[in-house]
N, C-alpha and C. Protein backbone atom coordinates (compact mmCIF):
# COMPACT_ATOMS: atom_id res chain seq x y z
N UNK A 1 -200.81 -79.97 -75.64
CA UNK A 1 -201.77 -79.79 -74.56
C UNK A 1 -203.18 -79.60 -75.09
N UNK A 2 -203.27 -78.80 -76.16
CA UNK A 2 -204.61 -78.56 -76.73
C UNK A 2 -205.20 -79.84 -77.28
N UNK A 3 -204.39 -80.72 -77.86
CA UNK A 3 -204.89 -81.99 -78.39
C UNK A 3 -205.45 -82.86 -77.26
N UNK A 4 -204.74 -82.93 -76.13
CA UNK A 4 -205.23 -83.71 -74.99
C UNK A 4 -206.50 -83.07 -74.44
N UNK A 5 -206.53 -81.74 -74.32
CA UNK A 5 -207.73 -81.06 -73.84
C UNK A 5 -208.91 -81.34 -74.76
N UNK A 6 -208.68 -81.38 -76.06
CA UNK A 6 -209.75 -81.68 -77.02
C UNK A 6 -210.27 -83.11 -76.83
N UNK A 7 -209.37 -84.06 -76.57
CA UNK A 7 -209.79 -85.44 -76.31
C UNK A 7 -210.68 -85.51 -75.07
N UNK A 8 -210.30 -84.78 -74.03
CA UNK A 8 -211.09 -84.77 -72.79
C UNK A 8 -212.47 -84.17 -73.05
N UNK A 9 -212.50 -83.07 -73.78
CA UNK A 9 -213.79 -82.44 -74.10
C UNK A 9 -214.65 -83.36 -74.96
N UNK A 10 -214.03 -84.07 -75.90
CA UNK A 10 -214.76 -85.01 -76.76
C UNK A 10 -215.38 -86.14 -75.95
N UNK A 11 -214.76 -86.48 -74.83
CA UNK A 11 -215.28 -87.52 -73.93
C UNK A 11 -216.23 -86.94 -72.90
N UNK A 12 -216.69 -85.69 -73.15
CA UNK A 12 -217.65 -84.97 -72.29
C UNK A 12 -217.06 -84.50 -70.97
N UNK A 13 -215.74 -84.34 -70.94
CA UNK A 13 -215.09 -83.80 -69.76
C UNK A 13 -214.80 -82.33 -69.95
N UNK A 14 -214.29 -81.71 -68.91
CA UNK A 14 -213.87 -80.31 -68.98
C UNK A 14 -212.35 -80.27 -68.90
N UNK A 15 -211.75 -79.38 -69.68
CA UNK A 15 -210.29 -79.31 -69.69
C UNK A 15 -209.85 -77.88 -69.97
N UNK A 16 -208.72 -77.55 -69.41
CA UNK A 16 -208.08 -76.26 -69.63
C UNK A 16 -206.60 -76.54 -69.85
N UNK A 17 -206.06 -76.11 -70.96
CA UNK A 17 -204.64 -76.30 -71.25
C UNK A 17 -203.88 -75.03 -70.84
N UNK A 18 -202.93 -75.20 -69.95
CA UNK A 18 -202.11 -74.08 -69.47
C UNK A 18 -200.65 -74.50 -69.57
N UNK A 19 -199.87 -73.78 -70.36
CA UNK A 19 -198.44 -74.06 -70.46
C UNK A 19 -197.77 -73.49 -69.21
N UNK A 20 -197.01 -74.33 -68.51
CA UNK A 20 -196.33 -73.88 -67.29
C UNK A 20 -195.13 -74.76 -67.02
N UNK A 21 -194.16 -74.19 -66.34
CA UNK A 21 -192.97 -74.90 -65.88
C UNK A 21 -193.11 -74.97 -64.36
N UNK A 22 -192.87 -76.14 -63.77
CA UNK A 22 -193.07 -76.28 -62.33
C UNK A 22 -192.04 -75.55 -61.48
N UNK A 23 -190.92 -75.15 -62.07
CA UNK A 23 -189.86 -74.58 -61.23
C UNK A 23 -190.02 -73.10 -60.91
N UNK A 24 -190.54 -72.25 -61.79
CA UNK A 24 -190.76 -70.86 -61.37
C UNK A 24 -192.06 -70.73 -60.58
N UNK A 25 -191.96 -70.16 -59.42
CA UNK A 25 -193.13 -70.03 -58.56
C UNK A 25 -194.27 -69.29 -59.26
N UNK A 26 -193.93 -68.27 -60.07
CA UNK A 26 -194.98 -67.49 -60.73
C UNK A 26 -195.74 -68.33 -61.76
N UNK A 27 -195.10 -69.31 -62.39
CA UNK A 27 -195.80 -70.19 -63.32
C UNK A 27 -196.84 -71.04 -62.59
N UNK A 28 -196.47 -71.56 -61.42
CA UNK A 28 -197.43 -72.37 -60.66
C UNK A 28 -198.58 -71.51 -60.15
N UNK A 29 -198.28 -70.28 -59.73
CA UNK A 29 -199.35 -69.37 -59.28
C UNK A 29 -200.28 -69.06 -60.45
N UNK A 30 -199.73 -68.82 -61.62
CA UNK A 30 -200.54 -68.52 -62.81
C UNK A 30 -201.38 -69.73 -63.19
N UNK A 31 -200.80 -70.92 -63.10
CA UNK A 31 -201.50 -72.16 -63.39
C UNK A 31 -202.71 -72.34 -62.46
N UNK A 32 -202.50 -72.15 -61.16
CA UNK A 32 -203.59 -72.29 -60.19
C UNK A 32 -204.63 -71.20 -60.40
N UNK A 33 -204.19 -69.96 -60.61
CA UNK A 33 -205.15 -68.86 -60.85
C UNK A 33 -206.02 -69.14 -62.07
N UNK A 34 -205.43 -69.63 -63.15
CA UNK A 34 -206.20 -69.94 -64.36
C UNK A 34 -207.21 -71.04 -64.09
N UNK A 35 -206.82 -72.03 -63.30
CA UNK A 35 -207.72 -73.13 -62.95
C UNK A 35 -208.90 -72.63 -62.12
N UNK A 36 -208.61 -71.80 -61.12
CA UNK A 36 -209.67 -71.26 -60.26
C UNK A 36 -210.61 -70.39 -61.07
N UNK A 37 -210.07 -69.57 -61.96
CA UNK A 37 -210.92 -68.73 -62.81
C UNK A 37 -211.80 -69.56 -63.72
N UNK A 38 -211.26 -70.60 -64.31
CA UNK A 38 -212.01 -71.42 -65.27
C UNK A 38 -213.05 -72.32 -64.61
N UNK A 39 -212.71 -72.86 -63.44
CA UNK A 39 -213.56 -73.87 -62.82
C UNK A 39 -214.16 -73.47 -61.48
N UNK A 40 -213.81 -72.28 -60.99
CA UNK A 40 -214.38 -71.81 -59.74
C UNK A 40 -213.72 -72.35 -58.49
N UNK A 41 -212.67 -73.11 -58.63
CA UNK A 41 -211.96 -73.66 -57.47
C UNK A 41 -210.89 -74.63 -57.93
N UNK A 42 -210.24 -75.22 -56.95
CA UNK A 42 -209.19 -76.20 -57.21
C UNK A 42 -209.45 -77.36 -56.26
N UNK A 43 -209.73 -78.52 -56.82
CA UNK A 43 -210.02 -79.69 -56.01
C UNK A 43 -208.76 -80.47 -55.64
N UNK A 44 -207.89 -80.66 -56.64
CA UNK A 44 -206.72 -81.53 -56.47
C UNK A 44 -205.52 -80.89 -57.16
N UNK A 45 -204.37 -80.92 -56.50
CA UNK A 45 -203.10 -80.56 -57.13
C UNK A 45 -202.25 -81.82 -57.12
N UNK A 46 -201.90 -82.30 -58.31
CA UNK A 46 -201.05 -83.49 -58.42
C UNK A 46 -199.64 -83.02 -58.78
N UNK A 47 -198.71 -83.28 -57.90
CA UNK A 47 -197.31 -82.92 -58.11
C UNK A 47 -196.62 -84.13 -58.74
N UNK A 48 -196.54 -84.12 -60.07
CA UNK A 48 -196.09 -85.29 -60.80
C UNK A 48 -194.86 -85.03 -61.67
N UNK A 49 -194.43 -83.80 -61.79
CA UNK A 49 -193.25 -83.52 -62.63
C UNK A 49 -192.02 -84.15 -61.99
N UNK A 50 -191.21 -84.80 -62.80
CA UNK A 50 -189.99 -85.37 -62.26
C UNK A 50 -189.27 -86.19 -63.31
N UNK A 51 -188.00 -86.40 -63.08
CA UNK A 51 -187.18 -87.24 -63.95
C UNK A 51 -186.00 -87.76 -63.16
N UNK A 52 -185.24 -88.66 -63.76
CA UNK A 52 -184.11 -89.24 -63.08
C UNK A 52 -182.83 -89.12 -63.88
N UNK A 53 -181.72 -89.19 -63.19
CA UNK A 53 -180.41 -89.35 -63.83
C UNK A 53 -179.82 -90.64 -63.28
N UNK A 54 -178.99 -91.26 -64.09
CA UNK A 54 -178.44 -92.57 -63.75
C UNK A 54 -176.93 -92.48 -63.70
N UNK A 55 -176.34 -93.09 -62.69
CA UNK A 55 -174.89 -93.16 -62.61
C UNK A 55 -174.42 -93.16 -61.17
N UNK A 56 -173.16 -93.50 -61.02
CA UNK A 56 -172.55 -93.45 -59.69
C UNK A 56 -172.49 -92.00 -59.23
N UNK A 57 -172.71 -91.78 -57.95
CA UNK A 57 -172.82 -90.42 -57.42
C UNK A 57 -171.64 -89.54 -57.81
N UNK A 58 -170.43 -90.06 -57.77
CA UNK A 58 -169.27 -89.24 -58.10
C UNK A 58 -169.09 -89.04 -59.59
N UNK A 59 -169.96 -89.63 -60.40
CA UNK A 59 -169.89 -89.46 -61.85
C UNK A 59 -171.07 -88.66 -62.41
N UNK A 60 -172.02 -88.36 -61.55
CA UNK A 60 -173.14 -87.49 -61.94
C UNK A 60 -172.73 -86.08 -61.54
N UNK A 61 -172.82 -85.14 -62.46
CA UNK A 61 -172.36 -83.79 -62.14
C UNK A 61 -173.31 -83.09 -61.17
N UNK A 62 -172.77 -82.17 -60.41
CA UNK A 62 -173.62 -81.39 -59.51
C UNK A 62 -174.63 -80.56 -60.28
N UNK A 63 -174.30 -80.14 -61.50
CA UNK A 63 -175.28 -79.43 -62.33
C UNK A 63 -176.47 -80.33 -62.64
N UNK A 64 -176.19 -81.60 -62.92
CA UNK A 64 -177.28 -82.55 -63.17
C UNK A 64 -178.14 -82.73 -61.92
N UNK A 65 -177.49 -82.82 -60.76
CA UNK A 65 -178.21 -82.99 -59.50
C UNK A 65 -179.07 -81.76 -59.20
N UNK A 66 -178.50 -80.58 -59.38
CA UNK A 66 -179.27 -79.34 -59.13
C UNK A 66 -180.49 -79.24 -60.05
N UNK A 67 -180.31 -79.56 -61.32
CA UNK A 67 -181.43 -79.50 -62.26
C UNK A 67 -182.51 -80.51 -61.88
N UNK A 68 -182.11 -81.71 -61.49
CA UNK A 68 -183.06 -82.73 -61.06
C UNK A 68 -183.83 -82.26 -59.82
N UNK A 69 -183.12 -81.72 -58.83
CA UNK A 69 -183.78 -81.23 -57.61
C UNK A 69 -184.69 -80.05 -57.91
N UNK A 70 -184.31 -79.24 -58.87
CA UNK A 70 -185.14 -78.09 -59.24
C UNK A 70 -186.52 -78.56 -59.72
N UNK A 71 -186.55 -79.60 -60.53
CA UNK A 71 -187.83 -80.12 -61.03
C UNK A 71 -188.52 -80.98 -59.97
N UNK A 72 -187.82 -81.99 -59.46
CA UNK A 72 -188.45 -82.98 -58.59
C UNK A 72 -188.85 -82.42 -57.23
N UNK A 73 -188.01 -81.59 -56.64
CA UNK A 73 -188.28 -81.10 -55.28
C UNK A 73 -188.85 -79.68 -55.30
N UNK A 74 -188.13 -78.74 -55.91
CA UNK A 74 -188.61 -77.36 -55.95
C UNK A 74 -189.92 -77.28 -56.72
N UNK A 75 -190.07 -78.07 -57.78
CA UNK A 75 -191.34 -78.11 -58.52
C UNK A 75 -192.49 -78.56 -57.64
N UNK A 76 -192.26 -79.57 -56.81
CA UNK A 76 -193.30 -80.03 -55.87
C UNK A 76 -193.63 -78.93 -54.86
N UNK A 77 -192.61 -78.29 -54.34
CA UNK A 77 -192.82 -77.22 -53.36
C UNK A 77 -193.58 -76.05 -54.01
N UNK A 78 -193.18 -75.65 -55.21
CA UNK A 78 -193.85 -74.53 -55.89
C UNK A 78 -195.32 -74.85 -56.16
N UNK A 79 -195.60 -76.07 -56.59
CA UNK A 79 -197.00 -76.46 -56.86
C UNK A 79 -197.80 -76.46 -55.56
N UNK A 80 -197.24 -77.03 -54.50
CA UNK A 80 -197.94 -77.06 -53.21
C UNK A 80 -198.16 -75.64 -52.67
N UNK A 81 -197.15 -74.78 -52.80
CA UNK A 81 -197.29 -73.39 -52.32
C UNK A 81 -198.38 -72.65 -53.08
N UNK A 82 -198.55 -72.95 -54.35
CA UNK A 82 -199.60 -72.30 -55.13
C UNK A 82 -200.98 -72.83 -54.75
N UNK A 83 -201.08 -74.12 -54.47
CA UNK A 83 -202.38 -74.74 -54.18
C UNK A 83 -202.86 -74.51 -52.76
N UNK A 84 -201.99 -74.54 -51.78
CA UNK A 84 -202.41 -74.51 -50.38
C UNK A 84 -203.24 -73.28 -50.00
N UNK A 85 -202.90 -72.07 -50.44
CA UNK A 85 -203.75 -70.93 -50.08
C UNK A 85 -205.18 -71.06 -50.63
N UNK A 86 -205.30 -71.63 -51.81
CA UNK A 86 -206.63 -71.85 -52.40
C UNK A 86 -207.37 -72.90 -51.58
N UNK A 87 -206.71 -73.99 -51.25
CA UNK A 87 -207.33 -75.04 -50.43
C UNK A 87 -207.81 -74.46 -49.10
N UNK A 88 -206.99 -73.62 -48.48
CA UNK A 88 -207.38 -73.04 -47.19
C UNK A 88 -208.59 -72.11 -47.35
N UNK A 89 -208.57 -71.29 -48.40
CA UNK A 89 -209.68 -70.36 -48.65
C UNK A 89 -210.99 -71.10 -48.88
N UNK A 90 -210.95 -72.13 -49.68
CA UNK A 90 -212.18 -72.85 -50.01
C UNK A 90 -212.51 -73.94 -48.98
N UNK A 91 -211.60 -74.13 -48.02
CA UNK A 91 -211.74 -75.11 -46.94
C UNK A 91 -211.92 -76.54 -47.45
N UNK A 92 -211.15 -76.86 -48.46
CA UNK A 92 -211.10 -78.23 -48.99
C UNK A 92 -210.00 -78.29 -50.04
N UNK A 93 -209.49 -79.47 -50.25
CA UNK A 93 -208.50 -79.67 -51.29
C UNK A 93 -207.69 -80.92 -51.02
N UNK A 94 -206.98 -81.37 -52.05
CA UNK A 94 -206.22 -82.61 -51.95
C UNK A 94 -204.91 -82.43 -52.70
N UNK A 95 -203.81 -82.55 -51.99
CA UNK A 95 -202.48 -82.50 -52.57
C UNK A 95 -201.98 -83.93 -52.74
N UNK A 96 -201.61 -84.28 -53.97
CA UNK A 96 -201.09 -85.62 -54.25
C UNK A 96 -199.66 -85.47 -54.74
N UNK A 97 -198.74 -86.12 -54.03
CA UNK A 97 -197.32 -86.07 -54.37
C UNK A 97 -196.94 -87.41 -54.98
N UNK A 98 -196.52 -87.36 -56.24
CA UNK A 98 -196.08 -88.57 -56.94
C UNK A 98 -194.60 -88.78 -56.61
N UNK A 99 -194.34 -89.61 -55.63
CA UNK A 99 -192.97 -89.95 -55.28
C UNK A 99 -192.57 -91.14 -56.14
N UNK A 100 -192.01 -92.14 -55.54
CA UNK A 100 -191.54 -93.33 -56.24
C UNK A 100 -191.20 -94.35 -55.18
N UNK A 101 -191.13 -95.61 -55.57
CA UNK A 101 -190.63 -96.60 -54.64
C UNK A 101 -189.21 -96.22 -54.20
N UNK A 102 -188.52 -95.43 -55.05
CA UNK A 102 -187.18 -94.93 -54.71
C UNK A 102 -187.24 -93.89 -53.58
N UNK A 103 -188.42 -93.42 -53.24
CA UNK A 103 -188.60 -92.54 -52.08
C UNK A 103 -188.71 -93.32 -50.79
N UNK A 104 -188.72 -94.63 -50.89
CA UNK A 104 -188.77 -95.54 -49.75
C UNK A 104 -187.49 -96.34 -49.59
N UNK A 105 -186.90 -96.71 -50.74
CA UNK A 105 -185.68 -97.52 -50.77
C UNK A 105 -184.77 -96.97 -51.84
N UNK A 106 -183.54 -96.71 -51.48
CA UNK A 106 -182.58 -96.24 -52.47
C UNK A 106 -182.34 -97.29 -53.54
N UNK A 107 -182.08 -96.83 -54.74
CA UNK A 107 -181.81 -97.71 -55.87
C UNK A 107 -180.39 -97.46 -56.34
N UNK A 108 -179.56 -98.50 -56.46
CA UNK A 108 -178.18 -98.28 -56.90
C UNK A 108 -178.11 -97.48 -58.20
N UNK A 109 -177.16 -96.58 -58.27
CA UNK A 109 -176.88 -95.75 -59.43
C UNK A 109 -177.96 -94.69 -59.67
N UNK A 110 -178.85 -94.49 -58.70
CA UNK A 110 -179.90 -93.48 -58.82
C UNK A 110 -179.99 -92.65 -57.54
N UNK A 111 -178.83 -92.40 -56.91
CA UNK A 111 -178.79 -91.68 -55.64
C UNK A 111 -179.48 -90.33 -55.66
N UNK A 112 -179.15 -89.44 -56.62
CA UNK A 112 -179.83 -88.14 -56.63
C UNK A 112 -181.34 -88.25 -56.82
N UNK A 113 -181.77 -89.16 -57.69
CA UNK A 113 -183.21 -89.35 -57.90
C UNK A 113 -183.86 -89.83 -56.61
N UNK A 114 -183.28 -90.85 -55.97
CA UNK A 114 -183.83 -91.36 -54.72
C UNK A 114 -183.87 -90.26 -53.66
N UNK A 115 -182.80 -89.48 -53.57
CA UNK A 115 -182.77 -88.39 -52.58
C UNK A 115 -183.89 -87.39 -52.84
N UNK A 116 -184.16 -87.09 -54.11
CA UNK A 116 -185.23 -86.14 -54.43
C UNK A 116 -186.59 -86.72 -54.06
N UNK A 117 -186.76 -88.02 -54.23
CA UNK A 117 -188.03 -88.66 -53.91
C UNK A 117 -188.21 -88.78 -52.40
N UNK A 118 -187.12 -89.04 -51.65
CA UNK A 118 -187.18 -89.01 -50.19
C UNK A 118 -187.54 -87.60 -49.71
N UNK A 119 -187.01 -86.58 -50.37
CA UNK A 119 -187.33 -85.19 -50.00
C UNK A 119 -188.82 -84.92 -50.20
N UNK A 120 -189.39 -85.40 -51.30
CA UNK A 120 -190.82 -85.22 -51.52
C UNK A 120 -191.63 -85.87 -50.41
N UNK A 121 -191.22 -87.07 -49.99
CA UNK A 121 -191.93 -87.78 -48.93
C UNK A 121 -191.87 -86.99 -47.63
N UNK A 122 -190.68 -86.49 -47.29
CA UNK A 122 -190.54 -85.69 -46.07
C UNK A 122 -191.42 -84.45 -46.10
N UNK A 123 -191.45 -83.78 -47.25
CA UNK A 123 -192.30 -82.60 -47.40
C UNK A 123 -193.77 -82.96 -47.22
N UNK A 124 -194.22 -84.01 -47.90
CA UNK A 124 -195.62 -84.41 -47.82
C UNK A 124 -196.01 -84.81 -46.39
N UNK A 125 -195.12 -85.52 -45.70
CA UNK A 125 -195.42 -85.90 -44.33
C UNK A 125 -195.54 -84.67 -43.43
N UNK A 126 -194.69 -83.68 -43.64
CA UNK A 126 -194.79 -82.43 -42.88
C UNK A 126 -196.11 -81.72 -43.19
N UNK A 127 -196.46 -81.63 -44.47
CA UNK A 127 -197.70 -80.97 -44.85
C UNK A 127 -198.92 -81.70 -44.29
N UNK A 128 -198.87 -83.02 -44.27
CA UNK A 128 -199.98 -83.78 -43.70
C UNK A 128 -200.15 -83.44 -42.22
N UNK A 129 -199.04 -83.32 -41.50
CA UNK A 129 -199.11 -82.96 -40.08
C UNK A 129 -199.60 -81.52 -39.91
N UNK A 130 -199.14 -80.61 -40.77
CA UNK A 130 -199.55 -79.20 -40.68
C UNK A 130 -201.02 -79.01 -40.98
N UNK A 131 -201.60 -79.86 -41.83
CA UNK A 131 -203.01 -79.71 -42.21
C UNK A 131 -203.91 -80.67 -41.45
N UNK A 132 -203.36 -81.40 -40.50
CA UNK A 132 -204.13 -82.37 -39.73
C UNK A 132 -205.36 -81.71 -39.11
N UNK A 133 -206.49 -82.36 -39.23
CA UNK A 133 -207.73 -81.83 -38.66
C UNK A 133 -208.44 -80.86 -39.57
N UNK A 134 -207.83 -80.53 -40.69
CA UNK A 134 -208.46 -79.62 -41.65
C UNK A 134 -209.04 -80.47 -42.79
N UNK A 135 -209.82 -79.86 -43.67
CA UNK A 135 -210.36 -80.61 -44.80
C UNK A 135 -209.38 -80.70 -46.00
N UNK A 136 -208.09 -80.55 -45.72
CA UNK A 136 -207.07 -80.67 -46.77
C UNK A 136 -206.40 -82.03 -46.60
N UNK A 137 -206.43 -82.83 -47.66
CA UNK A 137 -205.81 -84.15 -47.65
C UNK A 137 -204.46 -84.10 -48.35
N UNK A 138 -203.53 -84.91 -47.89
CA UNK A 138 -202.22 -85.04 -48.53
C UNK A 138 -201.96 -86.54 -48.73
N UNK A 139 -201.72 -86.92 -49.98
CA UNK A 139 -201.46 -88.32 -50.33
C UNK A 139 -200.11 -88.43 -51.02
N UNK A 140 -199.35 -89.46 -50.64
CA UNK A 140 -198.08 -89.77 -51.32
C UNK A 140 -198.30 -91.06 -52.12
N UNK A 141 -197.91 -91.04 -53.39
CA UNK A 141 -198.02 -92.21 -54.26
C UNK A 141 -196.60 -92.72 -54.51
N UNK A 142 -196.42 -94.02 -54.38
CA UNK A 142 -195.11 -94.66 -54.53
C UNK A 142 -195.12 -95.64 -55.71
N UNK A 143 -195.13 -95.17 -56.94
CA UNK A 143 -195.14 -96.12 -58.07
C UNK A 143 -193.85 -96.94 -58.13
N UNK A 144 -193.99 -98.16 -58.59
CA UNK A 144 -192.81 -98.96 -58.94
C UNK A 144 -192.46 -98.59 -60.38
N UNK A 145 -191.54 -99.30 -60.99
CA UNK A 145 -191.14 -99.00 -62.36
C UNK A 145 -192.39 -98.98 -63.25
N UNK A 146 -192.60 -97.86 -63.91
CA UNK A 146 -193.82 -97.63 -64.69
C UNK A 146 -193.46 -97.41 -66.15
N UNK A 147 -194.28 -97.94 -67.02
CA UNK A 147 -194.04 -97.83 -68.46
C UNK A 147 -194.41 -96.42 -68.94
N UNK A 148 -193.41 -95.55 -68.94
CA UNK A 148 -193.55 -94.17 -69.42
C UNK A 148 -192.29 -93.82 -70.20
N UNK A 149 -192.14 -92.55 -70.51
CA UNK A 149 -190.94 -92.09 -71.20
C UNK A 149 -189.78 -91.84 -70.23
N UNK A 150 -189.94 -92.23 -68.96
CA UNK A 150 -188.93 -92.01 -67.92
C UNK A 150 -187.55 -92.50 -68.36
N UNK A 151 -187.47 -93.71 -68.90
CA UNK A 151 -186.16 -94.26 -69.27
C UNK A 151 -185.53 -93.53 -70.46
N UNK A 152 -186.36 -93.08 -71.40
CA UNK A 152 -185.83 -92.32 -72.54
C UNK A 152 -185.26 -90.98 -72.06
N UNK A 153 -185.95 -90.35 -71.12
CA UNK A 153 -185.46 -89.08 -70.58
C UNK A 153 -184.16 -89.32 -69.81
N UNK A 154 -184.10 -90.40 -69.04
CA UNK A 154 -182.88 -90.73 -68.30
C UNK A 154 -181.73 -90.98 -69.28
N UNK A 155 -182.02 -91.65 -70.36
CA UNK A 155 -181.00 -91.90 -71.38
C UNK A 155 -180.49 -90.59 -71.95
N UNK A 156 -181.39 -89.68 -72.25
CA UNK A 156 -180.99 -88.38 -72.80
C UNK A 156 -180.15 -87.59 -71.80
N UNK A 157 -180.52 -87.63 -70.52
CA UNK A 157 -179.82 -86.84 -69.50
C UNK A 157 -178.55 -87.49 -68.98
N UNK A 158 -178.46 -88.82 -69.07
CA UNK A 158 -177.33 -89.53 -68.47
C UNK A 158 -176.44 -90.23 -69.47
N UNK A 159 -176.94 -90.45 -70.67
CA UNK A 159 -176.19 -91.21 -71.65
C UNK A 159 -176.52 -92.69 -71.62
N UNK A 160 -177.13 -93.16 -70.55
CA UNK A 160 -177.58 -94.54 -70.44
C UNK A 160 -178.63 -94.58 -69.35
N UNK A 161 -179.36 -95.68 -69.26
CA UNK A 161 -180.44 -95.78 -68.29
C UNK A 161 -180.51 -97.19 -67.74
N UNK A 162 -181.04 -97.29 -66.55
CA UNK A 162 -181.27 -98.60 -65.95
C UNK A 162 -182.46 -99.27 -66.62
N UNK A 163 -182.38 -100.53 -66.76
CA UNK A 163 -183.55 -101.32 -67.18
C UNK A 163 -183.84 -102.21 -65.98
N UNK A 164 -184.50 -101.64 -65.02
CA UNK A 164 -184.74 -102.34 -63.76
C UNK A 164 -185.46 -103.66 -63.99
N UNK A 165 -184.97 -104.66 -63.32
CA UNK A 165 -185.67 -105.95 -63.33
C UNK A 165 -186.72 -105.87 -62.24
N UNK A 166 -187.62 -106.78 -62.27
CA UNK A 166 -188.65 -106.81 -61.24
C UNK A 166 -189.97 -106.34 -61.79
N UNK A 167 -190.90 -106.13 -60.90
CA UNK A 167 -192.25 -105.79 -61.34
C UNK A 167 -192.31 -104.47 -62.08
N UNK A 168 -193.19 -104.42 -63.08
CA UNK A 168 -193.44 -103.21 -63.85
C UNK A 168 -194.94 -103.00 -63.86
N UNK A 169 -195.34 -101.78 -64.07
CA UNK A 169 -196.78 -101.50 -64.17
C UNK A 169 -197.02 -100.49 -65.28
N UNK A 170 -198.25 -100.42 -65.70
CA UNK A 170 -198.63 -99.46 -66.74
C UNK A 170 -198.94 -98.11 -66.09
N UNK A 171 -198.87 -97.07 -66.89
CA UNK A 171 -199.26 -95.74 -66.41
C UNK A 171 -200.74 -95.75 -66.02
N UNK A 172 -201.55 -96.54 -66.71
CA UNK A 172 -202.98 -96.64 -66.39
C UNK A 172 -203.19 -97.20 -64.98
N UNK A 173 -202.37 -98.15 -64.57
CA UNK A 173 -202.46 -98.71 -63.23
C UNK A 173 -202.21 -97.63 -62.18
N UNK A 174 -201.20 -96.81 -62.41
CA UNK A 174 -200.90 -95.72 -61.49
C UNK A 174 -202.05 -94.71 -61.49
N UNK A 175 -202.55 -94.36 -62.68
CA UNK A 175 -203.65 -93.40 -62.78
C UNK A 175 -204.88 -93.90 -62.04
N UNK A 176 -205.17 -95.19 -62.13
CA UNK A 176 -206.32 -95.75 -61.42
C UNK A 176 -206.13 -95.65 -59.91
N UNK A 177 -204.92 -95.89 -59.43
CA UNK A 177 -204.63 -95.76 -57.99
C UNK A 177 -204.82 -94.32 -57.54
N UNK A 178 -204.36 -93.37 -58.35
CA UNK A 178 -204.53 -91.95 -58.02
C UNK A 178 -206.01 -91.60 -58.00
N UNK A 179 -206.77 -92.08 -58.98
CA UNK A 179 -208.21 -91.80 -59.02
C UNK A 179 -208.90 -92.35 -57.77
N UNK A 180 -208.52 -93.55 -57.33
CA UNK A 180 -209.10 -94.10 -56.09
C UNK A 180 -208.76 -93.22 -54.90
N UNK A 181 -207.52 -92.73 -54.84
CA UNK A 181 -207.11 -91.87 -53.73
C UNK A 181 -207.85 -90.53 -53.75
N UNK A 182 -208.17 -90.05 -54.94
CA UNK A 182 -208.94 -88.79 -55.03
C UNK A 182 -210.35 -89.03 -54.51
N UNK A 183 -210.97 -90.14 -54.92
CA UNK A 183 -212.32 -90.44 -54.47
C UNK A 183 -212.39 -90.66 -52.96
N UNK A 184 -211.36 -91.33 -52.43
CA UNK A 184 -211.31 -91.64 -51.00
C UNK A 184 -209.88 -91.39 -50.52
N UNK A 185 -209.60 -90.16 -50.05
CA UNK A 185 -208.23 -89.80 -49.68
C UNK A 185 -207.61 -90.75 -48.65
N UNK A 186 -206.37 -91.12 -48.95
CA UNK A 186 -205.57 -91.97 -48.07
C UNK A 186 -204.19 -91.34 -47.95
N UNK A 187 -203.47 -91.60 -46.86
CA UNK A 187 -202.14 -91.02 -46.71
C UNK A 187 -201.15 -91.52 -47.77
N UNK A 188 -201.23 -92.81 -48.13
CA UNK A 188 -200.27 -93.41 -49.08
C UNK A 188 -201.03 -94.34 -50.01
């Protein structure tokens, strides 16, 4: 984290490295508090932690499903719960939920992952309705297969991974879409 923060500072940006796990609520609260102390506020909370497991539903253990939901869903909820009070206090803010195309269409052999991404979408849609008319924006991002370490993590957690055919995109493409949404908030 410090190496990435140093790169940002070298490019004349501001950065704060905070070690945190998205699943304990107190870590997310500490993360947001440190950000507010360092920068005087919180503009955007990006809920991007997540991973997948691969396999037929009856062959993926419930322990694997619970761990996946803990990161993908509870992590999103914990991050949003930490950010929303700050957004309300400062009367502005933007919550970005990184779902997946799997949050729109189920993918064979990825049922628990798709279910977790559908859950994120449902949560974000509820939050968008709850904050309607306020200066708090909620955006859902639906990346397609993206060139990241996602497949290596899936391999480690499942023993094998899908090599999805079809369109692929770079992480930079997704980052550019997120940056556009930050500049001009959109629902999706």
